Amino acid sequence: MPTVLRVGAYRLYFYSHEPNEPPHVHVDRDGDSVKFWLSPVSLAKNIGFGARELRKIEKIVNEHQDLLLEAWNGYFG
């Protein structure tokens, strides 16, 4: 699970065994996890985060979308 970025308490990463899915990123904090598609940025799956925190995480993903897509393409080629 390559970690791409850490922002505060959040870890943004990919699972190395998901190359056949569209570009996306997983974000964890404590026991909560969320998955966002990267193009366009949209929620794919949420386990545990409340609405307010989801908006905060989505903002982080949007702010770093170019970096995350570059990392995805570099990793999965």
Protein backbone atom coordinates (compact mmCIF):
# COMPACT_ATOMS: atom_id res chain seq x y z
CA MET A 1 0.00 0.00 0.00
CA PRO A 2 2.06 2.91 -1.21
CA THR A 3 1.42 6.04 0.84
CA VAL A 4 1.27 9.00 -1.51
CA LEU A 5 0.62 11.84 0.91
CA ARG A 6 0.01 12.64 4.56
CA VAL A 7 -2.06 15.67 5.50
CA GLY A 8 -2.55 16.15 9.22
CA ALA A 9 -4.07 12.95 10.60
CA TYR A 10 -4.95 11.63 7.12
CA ARG A 11 -2.98 9.07 5.12
CA LEU A 12 -3.68 9.02 1.38
CA TYR A 13 -2.62 5.82 -0.36
CA PHE A 14 -3.27 3.23 -3.08
CA TYR A 15 -3.72 -0.50 -2.79
CA SER A 16 -1.15 -2.12 -5.05
CA HIS A 17 -3.62 -4.79 -6.21
CA GLU A 18 -6.23 -2.44 -7.75
CA PRO A 19 -4.70 -1.45 -11.11
CA ASN A 20 -7.81 -2.37 -13.11
CA GLU A 21 -10.02 0.20 -11.39
CA PRO A 22 -10.18 3.85 -12.45
CA PRO A 23 -7.70 6.13 -10.65
CA HIS A 24 -8.66 6.55 -7.01
CA VAL A 25 -7.20 7.13 -3.57
CA HIS A 26 -7.95 5.70 -0.15
CA VAL A 27 -7.83 7.99 2.89
CA ASP A 28 -7.59 6.68 6.46
CA ARG A 29 -7.69 8.25 9.89
CA ASP A 30 -7.80 6.01 12.94
CA GLY A 31 -10.35 3.29 12.10
CA ASP A 32 -12.23 5.28 9.44
CA SER A 33 -11.63 4.92 5.70
CA VAL A 34 -12.90 6.52 2.51
CA LYS A 35 -12.24 6.00 -1.18
CA PHE A 36 -12.42 8.81 -3.73
CA TRP A 37 -12.30 8.52 -7.51
CA LEU A 38 -9.78 11.01 -8.88
CA SER A 39 -11.17 12.00 -12.26
CA PRO A 40 -13.46 13.66 -11.51
CA VAL A 41 -13.07 13.70 -7.74
CA SER A 42 -16.09 11.95 -6.27
CA LEU A 43 -16.91 9.73 -3.34
CA ALA A 44 -16.70 6.01 -4.06
CA LYS A 45 -17.05 4.43 -0.60
CA ASN A 46 -17.11 5.63 2.99
CA ILE A 47 -16.64 3.66 6.19
CA GLY A 48 -17.02 5.78 9.29
CA PHE A 49 -16.46 9.42 8.35
CA GLY A 50 -19.18 11.97 9.05
CA ALA A 51 -20.44 14.42 6.42
CA ARG A 52 -18.39 17.39 7.67
CA GLU A 53 -15.16 15.44 7.70
CA LEU A 54 -15.92 13.94 4.27
CA ARG A 55 -16.16 17.46 2.85
CA LYS A 56 -12.80 18.29 4.45
CA ILE A 57 -11.19 15.18 2.97
CA GLU A 58 -12.74 15.81 -0.44
CA LYS A 59 -11.23 19.30 -0.37
CA ILE A 60 -7.80 17.79 0.38
CA VAL A 61 -8.18 15.34 -2.50
CA ASN A 62 -9.24 18.15 -4.85
CA GLU A 63 -6.29 20.32 -3.79
CA HIS A 64 -3.86 17.47 -4.51
CA GLN A 65 -5.67 15.90 -7.48
CA ASP A 66 -2.81 16.50 -9.95
CA LEU A 67 -0.21 15.02 -7.58
CA LEU A 68 -2.45 12.01 -6.85
CA LEU A 69 -3.13 11.33 -10.53
CA GLU A 70 0.57 11.64 -11.32
CA ALA A 71 1.40 9.20 -8.53
CA TRP A 72 -1.31 6.77 -9.71
CA ASN A 73 -0.05 6.87 -13.29
CA GLY A 74 3.54 6.54 -12.16
CA TYR A 75 2.75 3.53 -9.97
CA PHE A 76 0.33 1.67 -12.23
CA GLY A 77 1.73 3.00 -15.51
